């Protein structure tokens, strides 16, 4: 025979319980952020688009034309190495080619 247990919780109690479970499950993710060094940091496509002042569609086109440094795929998301993007922003050669593509 199964040992089913019927529990009655208020909405507040259920939210608290769900919050505690989520906090416990997300702890390993938080420890990964702490061990991440500045060189290992990643920028999302949206953040890179904001840095360059263009749309995310433009970032995708630049990826296809190999204008941007190689991207890193994690699950279905695309990221860029922070140090490579910042170096590219400082590079005049890349800025000239990007400005020509924007015209």
Protein backbone atom coordinates (compact mmCIF):
# COMPACT_ATOMS: atom_id res chain seq x y z
CA UNK A 1 0.00 0.00 0.00
CA UNK A 2 1.27 3.49 -0.88
CA UNK A 3 2.02 6.01 1.81
CA UNK A 4 0.33 8.99 0.17
CA UNK A 5 0.21 12.10 2.28
CA UNK A 6 -2.26 14.90 1.79
CA UNK A 7 -1.00 18.28 2.96
CA UNK A 8 -2.85 21.56 3.08
CA UNK A 9 -0.72 24.68 2.60
CA UNK A 10 -1.57 28.33 2.36
CA UNK A 11 -0.43 30.26 -0.68
CA UNK A 12 2.30 31.95 1.38
CA UNK A 13 3.55 28.62 2.72
CA UNK A 14 3.62 27.13 -0.78
CA UNK A 15 5.57 30.12 -2.15
CA UNK A 16 8.06 29.87 0.72
CA UNK A 17 8.51 26.15 0.12
CA UNK A 18 9.03 26.63 -3.62
CA UNK A 19 11.50 29.46 -2.95
CA UNK A 20 13.53 27.28 -0.58
CA UNK A 21 13.68 24.44 -3.11
CA UNK A 22 14.75 26.81 -5.89
CA UNK A 23 17.42 28.39 -3.68
CA UNK A 24 18.81 24.96 -2.89
CA UNK A 25 18.82 23.86 -6.54
CA UNK A 26 20.44 27.09 -7.75
CA UNK A 27 23.31 27.09 -5.22
CA UNK A 28 25.68 25.16 -7.55
CA UNK A 29 25.12 27.81 -10.25
CA UNK A 30 26.01 30.59 -7.80
CA UNK A 31 29.30 28.90 -6.87
CA UNK A 32 30.24 28.77 -10.57
CA UNK A 33 29.85 32.54 -10.82
CA UNK A 34 32.21 33.04 -7.89
CA UNK A 35 34.97 30.92 -9.45
CA UNK A 36 34.66 32.67 -12.81
CA UNK A 37 37.62 34.94 -13.49
CA UNK A 38 37.46 38.22 -15.36
CA UNK A 39 39.07 36.63 -18.42
CA UNK A 40 36.48 33.84 -18.45
CA UNK A 41 33.51 36.21 -18.41
CA UNK A 42 31.07 35.94 -21.28
CA UNK A 43 28.92 38.53 -23.00
CA UNK A 44 25.51 37.69 -24.44
CA UNK A 45 24.51 38.67 -27.98
CA UNK A 46 22.24 41.36 -26.58
CA UNK A 47 25.03 42.87 -24.48
CA UNK A 48 27.45 42.82 -27.43
CA UNK A 49 24.79 44.49 -29.57
CA UNK A 50 24.44 47.25 -26.98
CA UNK A 51 28.22 47.70 -26.82
CA UNK A 52 28.43 48.20 -30.58
CA UNK A 53 25.16 50.15 -30.83
CA UNK A 54 23.58 47.72 -33.28
CA UNK A 55 20.74 45.20 -33.26
CA UNK A 56 21.01 41.54 -32.32
CA UNK A 57 20.26 40.71 -35.97
CA UNK A 58 23.37 42.64 -36.95
CA UNK A 59 25.39 40.67 -34.39
CA UNK A 60 24.13 37.45 -36.00
CA UNK A 61 25.15 38.72 -39.45
CA UNK A 62 28.60 39.69 -38.15
CA UNK A 63 28.94 36.17 -36.71
CA UNK A 64 28.07 34.68 -40.10
CA UNK A 65 30.67 36.88 -41.84
CA UNK A 66 33.28 36.10 -39.14
CA UNK A 67 33.62 39.75 -38.20
CA UNK A 68 33.22 38.95 -34.51
CA UNK A 69 35.48 36.60 -32.54
CA UNK A 70 34.30 32.98 -32.40
CA UNK A 71 31.16 32.56 -30.35
CA UNK A 72 30.58 30.07 -27.56
CA UNK A 73 27.32 28.11 -27.53
CA UNK A 74 25.93 27.03 -24.19
CA UNK A 75 22.70 25.10 -24.63
CA UNK A 76 20.89 27.11 -27.30
CA UNK A 77 22.39 30.46 -26.30
CA UNK A 78 25.30 32.28 -27.93
CA UNK A 79 27.99 34.06 -25.94
CA UNK A 80 31.24 35.84 -26.69
CA UNK A 81 34.46 35.94 -24.71
CA UNK A 82 34.57 39.26 -22.85
CA UNK A 83 38.28 39.93 -23.37
CA UNK A 84 38.07 39.28 -27.13
CA UNK A 85 35.06 41.57 -27.57
CA UNK A 86 36.70 44.35 -25.56
CA UNK A 87 39.91 43.96 -27.57
CA UNK A 88 37.88 44.19 -30.75
CA UNK A 89 36.20 47.36 -29.56
CA UNK A 90 39.63 48.91 -29.11
CA UNK A 91 40.86 47.77 -32.50
CA UNK A 92 40.61 50.48 -35.14
CA UNK A 93 40.80 48.03 -38.04
CA UNK A 94 37.68 46.20 -36.96
CA UNK A 95 35.87 49.42 -36.20
CA UNK A 96 36.51 50.67 -39.75
CA UNK A 97 35.18 47.47 -41.29
CA UNK A 98 32.13 47.56 -39.03
CA UNK A 99 31.40 51.16 -39.93
CA UNK A 100 31.58 50.27 -43.62
CA UNK A 101 29.10 47.43 -43.11
CA UNK A 102 26.69 49.74 -41.27
CA UNK A 103 26.50 52.10 -44.29
